[in-house]
Amino acid sequence: MKTTTSIKIDKDIKEQATSIANDLGVSLSTVVNATLKKFVTERRVVLSLAPEFNEKAKKEFLKLRDDVRKNKNLSKVYTDLNSLKKGLLE
């Protein structure tokens, strides 16, 4: 059984959230329902200014950070436009 609820939210946030949901192929209602289900299941709300990486992204980021520290798998450095164009044609 479904029910309807009414909440007040910032107009700009609603528009941005609706746009993102549409880009993902879901409705804003689906996003709100998923968020509320997670809230009920986990019995917590995570409020953060910075987005959190999922586990796959976190592992990839740590691998990339390790590569940079080891100076490994890095792209070539170009100092001017002509060398960049030449490098793109190679």
C-alpha atoms as a PDB file:
ATOM      1  CA  MET A   1       0.000   0.000   0.000  1.00  0.00           C
ATOM      2  CA  LYS A   2       1.285   3.447  -0.915  1.00  0.00           C
ATOM      3  CA  THR A   3       0.735   6.763   0.835  1.00  0.00           C
ATOM      4  CA  THR A   4       1.472  10.363  -0.040  1.00  0.00           C
ATOM      5  CA  THR A   5       3.481  12.774   2.065  1.00  0.00           C
ATOM      6  CA  SER A   6       4.235  16.440   1.613  1.00  0.00           C
ATOM      7  CA  ILE A   7       7.568  17.993   2.557  1.00  0.00           C
ATOM      8  CA  LYS A   8       9.033  21.443   2.080  1.00  0.00           C
ATOM      9  CA  ILE A   9      12.329  21.566   0.222  1.00  0.00           C
ATOM     10  CA  ASP A  10      14.332  24.254  -1.489  1.00  0.00           C
ATOM     11  CA  LYS A  11      13.067  24.817  -5.045  1.00  0.00           C
ATOM     12  CA  ASP A  12      16.573  24.791  -6.584  1.00  0.00           C
ATOM     13  CA  ILE A  13      17.486  21.555  -4.791  1.00  0.00           C
ATOM     14  CA  LYS A  14      14.282  19.910  -6.014  1.00  0.00           C
ATOM     15  CA  GLU A  15      14.974  20.985  -9.591  1.00  0.00           C
ATOM     16  CA  GLN A  16      18.585  19.773  -9.470  1.00  0.00           C
ATOM     17  CA  ALA A  17      17.598  16.475  -7.831  1.00  0.00           C
ATOM     18  CA  THR A  18      14.817  15.924 -10.346  1.00  0.00           C
ATOM     19  CA  SER A  19      17.217  16.587 -13.221  1.00  0.00           C
ATOM     20  CA  ILE A  20      19.801  14.144 -11.865  1.00  0.00           C
ATOM     21  CA  ALA A  21      17.139  11.504 -11.210  1.00  0.00           C
ATOM     22  CA  ASN A  22      15.821  11.927 -14.756  1.00  0.00           C
ATOM     23  CA  ASP A  23      19.362  11.566 -16.131  1.00  0.00           C
ATOM     24  CA  LEU A  24      19.582   8.279 -14.224  1.00  0.00           C
ATOM     25  CA  GLY A  25      16.220   7.177 -15.603  1.00  0.00           C
ATOM     26  CA  VAL A  26      14.305   7.237 -12.309  1.00  0.00           C
ATOM     27  CA  SER A  27      11.789   9.543 -10.707  1.00  0.00           C
ATOM     28  CA  LEU A  28      12.470  11.801  -7.749  1.00  0.00           C
ATOM     29  CA  SER A  29       9.925   9.717  -5.850  1.00  0.00           C
ATOM     30  CA  THR A  30      12.089   6.629  -6.439  1.00  0.00           C
ATOM     31  CA  VAL A  31      15.142   8.457  -5.088  1.00  0.00           C
ATOM     32  CA  VAL A  32      13.260   9.612  -1.973  1.00  0.00           C
ATOM     33  CA  ASN A  33      11.847   6.117  -1.382  1.00  0.00           C
ATOM     34  CA  ALA A  34      15.289   4.516  -1.741  1.00  0.00           C
ATOM     35  CA  THR A  35      16.763   7.051   0.677  1.00  0.00           C
ATOM     36  CA  LEU A  36      14.006   6.468   3.236  1.00  0.00           C
ATOM     37  CA  LYS A  37      14.356   2.668   2.923  1.00  0.00           C
ATOM     38  CA  LYS A  38      18.083   2.976   3.612  1.00  0.00           C
ATOM     39  CA  PHE A  39      17.331   5.239   6.591  1.00  0.00           C
ATOM     40  CA  VAL A  40      14.907   2.672   8.029  1.00  0.00           C
ATOM     41  CA  THR A  41      17.248  -0.260   7.388  1.00  0.00           C
ATOM     42  CA  GLU A  42      20.436   1.356   8.719  1.00  0.00           C
ATOM     43  CA  ARG A  43      18.738   3.558  11.322  1.00  0.00           C
ATOM     44  CA  ARG A  44      21.136   6.393  10.557  1.00  0.00           C
ATOM     45  CA  VAL A  45      21.492   9.478   8.401  1.00  0.00           C
ATOM     46  CA  VAL A  46      24.856  10.364   6.883  1.00  0.00           C
ATOM     47  CA  LEU A  47      25.324  14.101   6.453  1.00  0.00           C
ATOM     48  CA  SER A  48      28.516  15.061   4.711  1.00  0.00           C
ATOM     49  CA  LEU A  49      29.825  18.043   2.805  1.00  0.00           C
ATOM     50  CA  ALA A  50      32.114  15.860   0.737  1.00  0.00           C
ATOM     51  CA  PRO A  51      30.795  12.930  -1.308  1.00  0.00           C
ATOM     52  CA  GLU A  52      31.911   9.488  -0.224  1.00  0.00           C
ATOM     53  CA  PHE A  53      33.439   7.050  -2.683  1.00  0.00           C
ATOM     54  CA  ASN A  54      31.908   3.632  -3.077  1.00  0.00           C
ATOM     55  CA  GLU A  55      34.316   0.736  -2.497  1.00  0.00           C
ATOM     56  CA  LYS A  56      35.165   0.261  -6.193  1.00  0.00           C
ATOM     57  CA  ALA A  57      35.948   3.960  -6.685  1.00  0.00           C
ATOM     58  CA  LYS A  58      37.938   4.059  -3.444  1.00  0.00           C
ATOM     59  CA  LYS A  59      40.122   1.130  -4.553  1.00  0.00           C
ATOM     60  CA  GLU A  60      40.704   2.718  -7.969  1.00  0.00           C
ATOM     61  CA  PHE A  61      41.579   6.063  -6.396  1.00  0.00           C
ATOM     62  CA  LEU A  62      44.082   4.413  -4.029  1.00  0.00           C
ATOM     63  CA  LYS A  63      45.652   2.560  -6.972  1.00  0.00           C
ATOM     64  CA  LEU A  64      45.965   5.803  -8.945  1.00  0.00           C
ATOM     65  CA  ARG A  65      47.451   7.599  -5.937  1.00  0.00           C
ATOM     66  CA  ASP A  66      49.985   4.788  -5.527  1.00  0.00           C
ATOM     67  CA  ASP A  67      50.895   4.994  -9.242  1.00  0.00           C
ATOM     68  CA  VAL A  68      51.480   8.744  -8.960  1.00  0.00           C
ATOM     69  CA  ARG A  69      53.698   8.265  -5.916  1.00  0.00           C
ATOM     70  CA  LYS A  70      55.705   5.637  -7.827  1.00  0.00           C
ATOM     71  CA  ASN A  71      55.778   7.818 -10.964  1.00  0.00           C
ATOM     72  CA  LYS A  72      54.123   4.938 -12.812  1.00  0.00           C
ATOM     73  CA  ASN A  73      51.429   4.900 -15.545  1.00  0.00           C
ATOM     74  CA  LEU A  74      51.566   8.664 -15.974  1.00  0.00           C
ATOM     75  CA  SER A  75      50.962  10.506 -19.205  1.00  0.00           C
ATOM     76  CA  LYS A  76      53.776  12.355 -20.919  1.00  0.00           C
ATOM     77  CA  VAL A  77      54.255  16.022 -19.986  1.00  0.00           C
ATOM     78  CA  TYR A  78      53.897  18.521 -22.822  1.00  0.00           C
ATOM     79  CA  THR A  79      55.394  21.982 -22.489  1.00  0.00           C
ATOM     80  CA  ASP A  80      53.835  23.581 -25.553  1.00  0.00           C
ATOM     81  CA  LEU A  81      50.977  23.131 -27.996  1.00  0.00           C
ATOM     82  CA  ASN A  82      53.150  21.837 -30.849  1.00  0.00           C
ATOM     83  CA  SER A  83      54.614  18.999 -28.775  1.00  0.00           C
ATOM     84  CA  LEU A  84      51.120  18.109 -27.592  1.00  0.00           C
ATOM     85  CA  LYS A  85      49.815  17.954 -31.166  1.00  0.00           C
ATOM     86  CA  LYS A  86      52.805  15.831 -32.171  1.00  0.00           C
ATOM     87  CA  GLY A  87      52.211  13.506 -29.217  1.00  0.00           C
ATOM     88  CA  LEU A  88      48.547  13.093 -30.132  1.00  0.00           C
ATOM     89  CA  LEU A  89      49.504  12.006 -33.650  1.00  0.00           C
ATOM     90  CA  GLU A  90      51.971   9.375 -32.445  1.00  0.00           C
END
